[in-house]
Amino acid sequence: MRDAIAIIRSAPNFRPAIIAPIAIMLIFSFFNLSAAPDQARITSAITLGVVNHDTGMTFPPIKVSNRIMEGMAESLPFAIADFDDDGAARIALEAGDVTAVLIFPADFSKNAASGEQIEITVLNTQHLSIMESQMGAQLPMLLQSAMSAAVGMVRVALSEGRLPSGEFPVVANVQTLHVAGSGVALAAPFVMGFATWLAAMVGAMMLFFATREADNAKARAIVRTALPVIITMVATLVLALVVCGTTGQWDAFLCLWLSAWPVLLVLSWLFAGLFAVFNVVAMLIILPVVFYQTAVGGAQAPVAAAPSWLRGIAEAIPFDAVAGIYRGVLIGGNGPFPIMLTLITATIGLVMIWAGSMAFGGSKAE
């Protein structure tokens, strides 16, 4: 019994074996109870942009579009943002500030009263999170049905004729800014993002255990710095091959690989630095960051849909940039590669790698 206790006390690898199951139980149970997907929270994070060109009617002097939106605003589960022109609304949709855009034509009120069919324009996109893209695809029919019912009530109130039964008084002209090539392409950014964070965590952890007992501190730091460059190059090459093979988007192969490689590399350096400085205790920092990606990564649902305590962290540290990079390559619509964020993350990671490697490690490492 004493020999067994001595082994546990003297062997450094027993500590992560003890800490890991405890940390996983804590993190996964807390996550599933405190940050589980909440449909009400997700829909409340959705915003519909509205551009109203309706000139209204002379008699009676009303804008039917305003009356309809006032009534819908009370029943719709998501927020509404008004824009002065189509261009501003498109920019907001590109940036992900709104999920879809509704555009009222100038003759909306006139046609609502006359009995003519009305055409509204709905802009949506598939370059946002999976939840937002799905909601944006459902909105045209939802708006078309709701407005048709509302216009029908207006026509009754004005004692005007109706269109023949079976036709919608309002039809939606749907324009999708960025279209995913397939359902696989729509889900790929989420899968790629989670795989990137997970690979960075496991790779950094294994590299730490492989080098922690090396006696030469400088060599230890060099290995922890240089080896991830090669490993991440091969890993992201495999990722790009799998994604392009399953989506059929081989034209995006090179761009996808060259985008994923620096992302995985800087995350690997960051996690390796945390291990170098904090030893196995770093798992208590890294595990939540990795496994909370479903809530704060911005690939499955908007960051605004996360619980307030997680949303604050995500807004301070833009985890969703990773998913944004992958969406931009596969679907389009996102901004340029976040070079400054990448450089800052890489610098922090490398500084910690060298500081931790020079200060801690060796054959007597605990």
Protein backbone atom coordinates (compact mmCIF):
# COMPACT_ATOMS: atom_id res chain seq x y z
CA MET A 1 0.00 0.00 0.00
CA ARG A 2 2.84 2.36 0.86
CA ASP A 3 4.51 1.60 -2.47
CA ALA A 4 1.29 2.41 -4.29
CA ILE A 5 0.96 5.74 -2.48
CA ALA A 6 4.61 6.50 -3.22
CA ILE A 7 4.04 5.91 -6.93
CA ILE A 8 1.05 8.26 -6.94
CA ARG A 9 3.03 10.95 -5.14
CA SER A 10 6.18 10.67 -7.25
CA ALA A 11 4.78 10.13 -10.77
CA PRO A 12 3.77 13.49 -12.30
CA ASN A 13 1.43 11.91 -14.86
CA PHE A 14 -0.90 10.73 -12.11
CA ARG A 15 -2.01 14.29 -11.43
CA PRO A 16 -3.67 14.88 -14.79
CA ALA A 17 -5.21 11.41 -14.52
CA ILE A 18 -6.85 12.54 -11.28
CA ILE A 19 -7.72 16.09 -12.33
CA ALA A 20 -9.11 15.35 -15.81
CA PRO A 21 -12.17 13.25 -14.83
CA ILE A 22 -13.08 15.68 -12.07
CA ALA A 23 -12.73 18.70 -14.38
CA ILE A 24 -14.74 17.05 -17.14
CA MET A 25 -17.57 16.11 -14.79
CA LEU A 26 -17.68 19.65 -13.39
CA ILE A 27 -17.52 21.43 -16.74
CA PHE A 28 -19.94 19.23 -18.68
CA SER A 29 -22.56 19.08 -15.95
CA PHE A 30 -22.39 22.82 -15.33
CA PHE A 31 -22.46 23.59 -19.05
CA ASN A 32 -25.46 21.39 -19.81
CA LEU A 33 -27.42 22.91 -16.96
CA SER A 34 -26.44 26.56 -17.30
CA ALA A 35 -25.83 27.02 -21.04
CA ALA A 36 -28.11 24.52 -22.70
CA PRO A 37 -29.83 25.73 -25.92
CA ASP A 38 -32.93 27.76 -25.10
CA GLN A 39 -35.29 28.33 -28.05
CA ALA A 40 -36.81 31.43 -26.46
CA ARG A 41 -33.37 32.93 -25.88
CA ILE A 42 -32.30 32.12 -29.44
CA THR A 43 -35.38 33.68 -31.06
CA SER A 44 -35.06 36.75 -28.84
CA ALA A 45 -31.55 37.21 -30.26
CA ILE A 46 -32.94 37.35 -33.82
CA THR A 47 -33.44 40.81 -35.33
CA LEU A 48 -35.54 41.66 -38.40
CA GLY A 49 -34.42 44.75 -40.28
CA VAL A 50 -37.23 46.82 -41.86
CA VAL A 51 -36.99 49.35 -44.68
CA ASN A 52 -40.29 51.11 -45.31
CA HIS A 53 -40.72 52.90 -48.65
CA ASP A 54 -44.52 52.95 -48.29
CA THR A 55 -45.91 56.38 -49.21
CA GLY A 56 -49.26 55.65 -47.58
CA MET A 57 -52.77 56.60 -48.66
CA THR A 58 -54.34 60.03 -49.03
CA PHE A 59 -57.75 58.93 -47.76
CA PRO A 60 -57.86 57.71 -45.18
CA PRO A 61 -54.44 59.22 -44.37
CA ILE A 62 -52.67 56.10 -43.08
CA LYS A 63 -49.73 53.87 -43.88
CA VAL A 64 -51.02 50.32 -43.90
CA SER A 65 -47.45 49.04 -43.51
CA ASN A 66 -47.03 50.90 -40.22
CA ARG A 67 -50.29 49.51 -38.87
CA ILE A 68 -49.26 45.97 -39.84
CA MET A 69 -45.81 46.26 -38.26
CA GLU A 70 -47.30 47.69 -35.07
CA GLY A 71 -49.57 44.66 -34.81
CA MET A 72 -46.84 42.15 -35.72
CA ALA A 73 -44.33 43.67 -33.30
CA GLU A 74 -46.50 42.55 -30.39
CA SER A 75 -46.61 38.93 -31.53
CA LEU A 76 -43.24 38.37 -33.19
CA PRO A 77 -40.70 36.65 -30.89
CA PHE A 78 -37.76 38.64 -32.24
CA ALA A 79 -36.63 42.27 -32.33
CA ILE A 80 -37.21 44.78 -35.14
CA ALA A 81 -34.69 47.37 -36.36
CA ASP A 82 -35.67 50.19 -38.73
CA PHE A 83 -33.41 51.38 -41.57
CA ASP A 84 -33.72 54.42 -43.81
CA ASP A 85 -32.57 52.75 -47.02
CA ASP A 86 -31.83 49.38 -48.61
CA GLY A 87 -28.06 49.92 -48.60
CA ALA A 88 -27.82 50.40 -44.84
CA ALA A 89 -29.98 47.32 -44.28
CA ARG A 90 -27.79 45.21 -46.58
CA ILE A 91 -24.67 46.32 -44.73
CA ALA A 92 -26.27 45.32 -41.42
CA LEU A 93 -27.20 41.92 -42.87
CA GLU A 94 -23.66 41.40 -44.16
CA ALA A 95 -22.29 42.24 -40.70
CA GLY A 96 -24.75 39.93 -38.96
CA ASP A 97 -26.44 42.75 -37.05
CA VAL A 98 -29.79 41.56 -38.42
CA THR A 99 -30.94 38.10 -39.49
CA ALA A 100 -33.13 39.19 -42.41
CA VAL A 101 -34.46 42.38 -43.99
CA LEU A 102 -38.05 43.21 -44.92
CA ILE A 103 -38.54 45.92 -47.57
CA PHE A 104 -41.95 47.52 -48.11
CA PRO A 105 -42.58 48.91 -51.62
CA ALA A 106 -43.77 52.50 -52.11
CA ASP A 107 -47.23 51.38 -53.29
CA PHE A 108 -47.90 48.98 -50.41
CA SER A 109 -50.80 50.94 -48.90
CA LYS A 110 -52.26 51.75 -52.31
CA ASN A 111 -52.31 48.12 -53.40
CA ALA A 112 -53.56 46.99 -49.99
CA ALA A 113 -56.66 49.13 -50.47
CA SER A 114 -57.17 48.47 -54.18
CA GLY A 115 -57.18 44.70 -54.01
CA GLU A 116 -54.08 44.22 -56.13
CA GLN A 117 -51.45 41.73 -55.17
CA ILE A 118 -48.55 43.22 -53.19
CA GLU A 119 -44.93 42.21 -53.47
CA ILE A 120 -42.64 42.67 -50.49
CA THR A 121 -38.90 41.98 -50.64
CA VAL A 122 -37.18 39.82 -48.06
CA LEU A 123 -33.40 39.64 -47.89
CA ASN A 124 -31.79 36.73 -46.06
CA THR A 125 -28.43 34.99 -46.06
CA GLN A 126 -26.77 31.71 -45.13
CA HIS A 127 -23.42 33.11 -44.01
CA LEU A 128 -24.57 33.60 -40.41
CA SER A 129 -24.88 30.93 -37.71
CA ILE A 130 -26.86 27.79 -38.45
CA MET A 131 -29.80 28.94 -36.30
CA GLU A 132 -29.89 32.39 -37.92
CA SER A 133 -29.65 30.95 -41.43
CA GLN A 134 -32.52 28.56 -40.74
CA MET A 135 -34.63 31.31 -39.22
CA GLY A 136 -33.86 33.60 -42.15
CA ALA A 137 -35.03 30.90 -44.57
CA GLN A 138 -38.34 30.50 -42.69
CA LEU A 139 -39.08 34.22 -42.36
CA PRO A 140 -40.33 34.89 -45.94
CA MET A 141 -43.25 32.47 -45.65
CA LEU A 142 -43.96 33.60 -42.08
CA LEU A 143 -44.07 37.26 -43.13
CA GLN A 144 -46.03 36.51 -46.28
CA SER A 145 -48.71 34.63 -44.34
CA ALA A 146 -48.92 37.16 -41.50
CA MET A 147 -49.12 40.16 -43.83
CA SER A 148 -51.63 38.48 -46.11
CA ALA A 149 -53.92 37.98 -43.12
CA ALA A 150 -53.37 41.57 -42.01
CA VAL A 151 -54.01 43.02 -45.48
CA GLY A 152 -57.15 40.90 -45.75
CA MET A 153 -58.43 42.48 -42.54
CA VAL A 154 -57.57 45.96 -43.87
CA ARG A 155 -59.53 45.31 -47.04
CA VAL A 156 -62.54 44.20 -45.07
CA ALA A 157 -62.29 47.33 -42.98
CA LEU A 158 -62.09 49.49 -46.10
CA SER A 159 -64.86 47.52 -47.79
CA GLU A 160 -62.56 46.70 -50.71
CA GLY A 161 -62.54 43.57 -52.84
CA ARG A 162 -60.33 40.57 -52.27
CA LEU A 163 -58.16 38.53 -54.59
CA PRO A 164 -59.60 35.16 -55.70
CA SER A 165 -59.58 32.54 -52.96
CA GLY A 166 -56.32 30.65 -52.60
CA GLU A 167 -54.02 33.53 -53.55
CA PHE A 168 -51.94 35.49 -51.09
CA PRO A 169 -52.67 39.23 -51.05
CA VAL A 170 -48.97 39.62 -50.20
CA VAL A 171 -46.15 37.68 -51.87
CA ALA A 172 -42.53 37.68 -50.78
CA ASN A 173 -39.74 38.28 -53.26
CA VAL A 174 -36.88 36.47 -51.51
CA GLN A 175 -33.30 37.50 -52.22
CA THR A 176 -30.54 35.49 -50.52
CA LEU A 177 -27.26 37.36 -50.29
CA HIS A 178 -24.97 34.38 -49.65
CA VAL A 179 -26.04 30.80 -50.35
CA ALA A 180 -24.39 27.68 -48.95
CA GLY A 181 -23.68 25.14 -51.66
CA SER A 182 -25.33 22.35 -49.64
CA GLY A 183 -26.57 21.40 -46.22
CA VAL A 184 -23.10 20.03 -45.48
CA ALA A 185 -21.53 23.39 -46.35
CA LEU A 186 -23.99 25.12 -44.03
CA ALA A 187 -22.96 22.89 -41.11
CA ALA A 188 -19.25 22.73 -42.00
CA PRO A 189 -18.16 25.99 -40.26
CA PHE A 190 -19.55 24.71 -36.94
CA VAL A 191 -17.83 21.33 -37.32
CA MET A 192 -14.59 22.95 -38.43
CA GLY A 193 -14.61 25.45 -35.59
CA PHE A 194 -15.14 22.82 -32.90
CA ALA A 195 -12.55 20.50 -34.51
CA THR A 196 -10.02 23.35 -34.53
CA TRP A 197 -10.42 24.13 -30.84
CA LEU A 198 -10.43 20.45 -29.86
CA ALA A 199 -7.34 19.66 -31.96
CA ALA A 200 -5.49 22.63 -30.48
CA MET A 201 -6.29 21.50 -26.94
CA VAL A 202 -5.34 17.84 -27.40
CA GLY A 203 -2.23 18.66 -29.43
CA ALA A 204 -0.96 21.18 -26.88
CA MET A 205 -1.64 18.81 -24.01
CA MET A 206 0.18 15.89 -25.61
CA LEU A 207 3.13 18.10 -26.58
CA PHE A 208 3.36 19.36 -23.02
CA PHE A 209 3.50 15.86 -21.56
CA ALA A 210 6.03 14.79 -24.21
CA THR A 211 8.44 17.63 -23.43
CA ARG A 212 7.91 18.46 -19.76
CA GLU A 213 10.78 16.30 -18.50
CA ALA A 214 13.36 17.52 -21.02
CA ASP A 215 16.34 18.95 -19.12
CA ASN A 216 17.33 21.54 -21.73
CA ALA A 217 14.91 24.44 -21.21
CA LYS A 218 15.81 26.20 -24.45
CA ALA A 219 15.37 23.01 -26.49
CA ARG A 220 12.06 22.41 -24.73
CA ALA A 221 10.85 25.87 -25.74
CA ILE A 222 12.05 25.44 -29.33
CA VAL A 223 10.20 22.13 -29.70
CA ARG A 224 7.00 23.60 -28.25
CA THR A 225 7.30 26.51 -30.68
CA ALA A 226 8.40 24.80 -33.89
CA LEU A 227 6.68 21.41 -33.82
CA PRO A 228 3.12 22.87 -33.83
CA VAL A 229 3.94 24.63 -37.12
CA ILE A 230 4.38 21.27 -38.87
CA ILE A 231 1.62 19.46 -36.99
CA THR A 232 -0.98 22.14 -37.64
CA MET A 233 0.01 22.35 -41.30
CA VAL A 234 -0.72 18.65 -41.79
CA ALA A 235 -3.81 18.67 -39.57
CA THR A 236 -5.45 21.58 -41.43
CA LEU A 237 -4.52 20.00 -44.76
CA VAL A 238 -6.50 16.94 -43.70
CA LEU A 239 -9.35 19.17 -42.52
CA ALA A 240 -9.46 21.03 -45.84
CA LEU A 241 -9.43 17.77 -47.81
CA VAL A 242 -12.31 16.33 -45.79
CA VAL A 243 -14.41 19.50 -45.97
CA CYS A 244 -13.88 20.03 -49.69
CA GLY A 245 -14.45 16.33 -50.36
CA THR A 246 -17.78 16.30 -48.52
CA THR A 247 -19.01 19.68 -49.78
CA GLY A 248 -17.61 19.42 -53.31
CA GLN A 249 -16.19 22.96 -53.04
CA TRP A 250 -12.68 22.17 -54.28
CA ASP A 251 -12.30 25.73 -55.56
CA ALA A 252 -12.12 26.82 -51.91
CA PHE A 253 -9.48 24.23 -50.94
CA LEU A 254 -6.37 26.42 -50.92
CA CYS A 255 -8.09 29.38 -49.27
CA LEU A 256 -9.65 27.10 -46.66
CA TRP A 257 -6.34 25.45 -45.83
CA LEU A 258 -4.44 28.74 -45.65
CA SER A 259 -7.15 30.19 -43.40
CA ALA A 260 -7.41 27.21 -41.04
CA TRP A 261 -3.66 26.71 -40.65
CA PRO A 262 -2.84 30.00 -38.86
CA VAL A 263 -5.99 29.70 -36.74
CA LEU A 264 -5.05 26.24 -35.46
CA LEU A 265 -1.41 27.27 -35.05
CA VAL A 266 -2.05 30.32 -32.87
CA LEU A 267 -4.58 28.42 -30.75
CA SER A 268 -2.05 25.60 -30.33
CA TRP A 269 0.59 28.12 -29.25
CA LEU A 270 -1.86 29.76 -26.84
CA PHE A 271 -2.83 26.45 -25.22
CA ALA A 272 0.80 25.25 -25.17
CA GLY A 273 1.71 28.48 -23.39
CA LEU A 274 -1.00 27.96 -20.81
CA PHE A 275 0.30 24.43 -20.14
CA ALA A 276 3.88 25.69 -19.94
CA VAL A 277 2.96 28.28 -17.30
CA PHE A 278 0.16 26.60 -15.33
CA ASN A 279 1.04 22.92 -15.85
CA VAL A 280 -1.97 20.56 -15.77
CA VAL A 281 -4.02 23.21 -13.99
CA ALA A 282 -4.31 24.83 -17.42
CA MET A 283 -6.97 22.22 -18.23
CA LEU A 284 -9.34 24.09 -15.93
CA ILE A 285 -8.94 27.11 -18.21
CA ILE A 286 -8.79 25.38 -21.59
CA LEU A 287 -11.58 22.83 -21.21
CA PRO A 288 -14.35 25.39 -20.66
CA VAL A 289 -13.06 27.51 -23.55
CA VAL A 290 -13.13 24.53 -25.92
CA PHE A 291 -16.39 22.94 -24.90
CA TYR A 292 -18.30 26.22 -24.62
CA GLN A 293 -17.72 26.82 -28.32
CA THR A 294 -21.25 25.58 -29.06
CA ALA A 295 -22.53 28.53 -27.04
CA VAL A 296 -20.02 31.31 -27.73
CA GLY A 297 -18.44 30.22 -31.02
CA GLY A 298 -21.13 31.88 -33.12
CA ALA A 299 -21.39 28.95 -35.54
CA GLN A 300 -24.48 27.15 -34.27
CA ALA A 301 -26.32 30.14 -32.80
CA PRO A 302 -25.61 33.86 -32.49
CA VAL A 303 -23.46 34.93 -29.55
CA ALA A 304 -26.38 37.06 -28.36
CA ALA A 305 -28.31 33.83 -27.70
CA ALA A 306 -25.81 32.67 -25.06
CA PRO A 307 -26.54 33.14 -21.33
CA SER A 308 -25.54 36.58 -20.10
CA TRP A 309 -22.49 35.34 -18.18
CA LEU A 310 -21.14 33.57 -21.28
CA ARG A 311 -22.14 36.39 -23.63
CA GLY A 312 -20.02 38.83 -21.64
CA ILE A 313 -16.97 36.59 -22.03
CA ALA A 314 -17.60 36.13 -25.77
CA GLU A 315 -17.97 39.86 -26.32
CA ALA A 316 -14.71 40.54 -24.48
CA ILE A 317 -12.83 37.75 -26.30
CA PRO A 318 -14.18 37.28 -29.87
CA PHE A 319 -14.30 33.49 -30.03
CA ASP A 320 -16.78 33.73 -32.92
CA ALA A 321 -14.01 35.02 -35.20
CA VAL A 322 -12.97 31.40 -35.90
CA ALA A 323 -16.40 30.39 -37.21
CA GLY A 324 -16.58 33.68 -39.10
CA ILE A 325 -13.36 32.86 -40.96
CA TYR A 326 -14.64 29.46 -42.06
CA ARG A 327 -18.07 30.81 -43.06
CA GLY A 328 -16.41 33.53 -45.10
CA VAL A 329 -14.41 30.99 -47.10
CA LEU A 330 -17.17 28.43 -47.66
CA ILE A 331 -20.25 30.65 -47.91
CA GLY A 332 -18.98 34.23 -48.19
CA GLY A 333 -20.08 37.46 -46.60
CA ASN A 334 -17.75 37.77 -43.63
CA GLY A 335 -15.08 40.40 -43.24
CA PRO A 336 -11.31 40.06 -43.81
CA PHE A 337 -9.10 37.67 -41.89
CA PRO A 338 -8.58 39.05 -38.34
CA ILE A 339 -4.84 39.58 -38.69
CA MET A 340 -4.44 41.74 -35.58
CA LEU A 341 -6.33 39.27 -33.35
CA THR A 342 -4.21 36.43 -34.75
CA LEU A 343 -0.95 38.28 -34.09
CA ILE A 344 -1.94 39.20 -30.55
CA THR A 345 -2.98 35.62 -29.74
CA ALA A 346 0.23 34.23 -31.24
CA THR A 347 2.37 36.69 -29.28
CA ILE A 348 0.69 35.87 -25.98
CA GLY A 349 1.06 32.15 -26.62
CA LEU A 350 4.74 32.34 -27.60
CA VAL A 351 5.64 34.53 -24.65
CA MET A 352 4.01 32.04 -22.26
CA ILE A 353 5.69 29.08 -24.00
CA TRP A 354 9.16 30.53 -23.57
CA ALA A 355 8.58 31.96 -20.10
CA GLY A 356 7.04 28.73 -18.84
CA SER A 357 9.59 26.48 -20.55
CA MET A 358 12.53 28.39 -19.12
CA ALA A 359 11.05 28.55 -15.62
CA PHE A 360 9.43 25.13 -15.28
CA GLY A 361 10.22 21.61 -16.48
CA GLY A 362 13.08 19.15 -16.45
CA SER A 363 13.43 15.63 -15.17
CA LYS A 364 12.26 16.70 -11.72
CA ALA A 365 9.13 18.46 -13.01
CA GLU A 366 6.15 18.10 -10.79
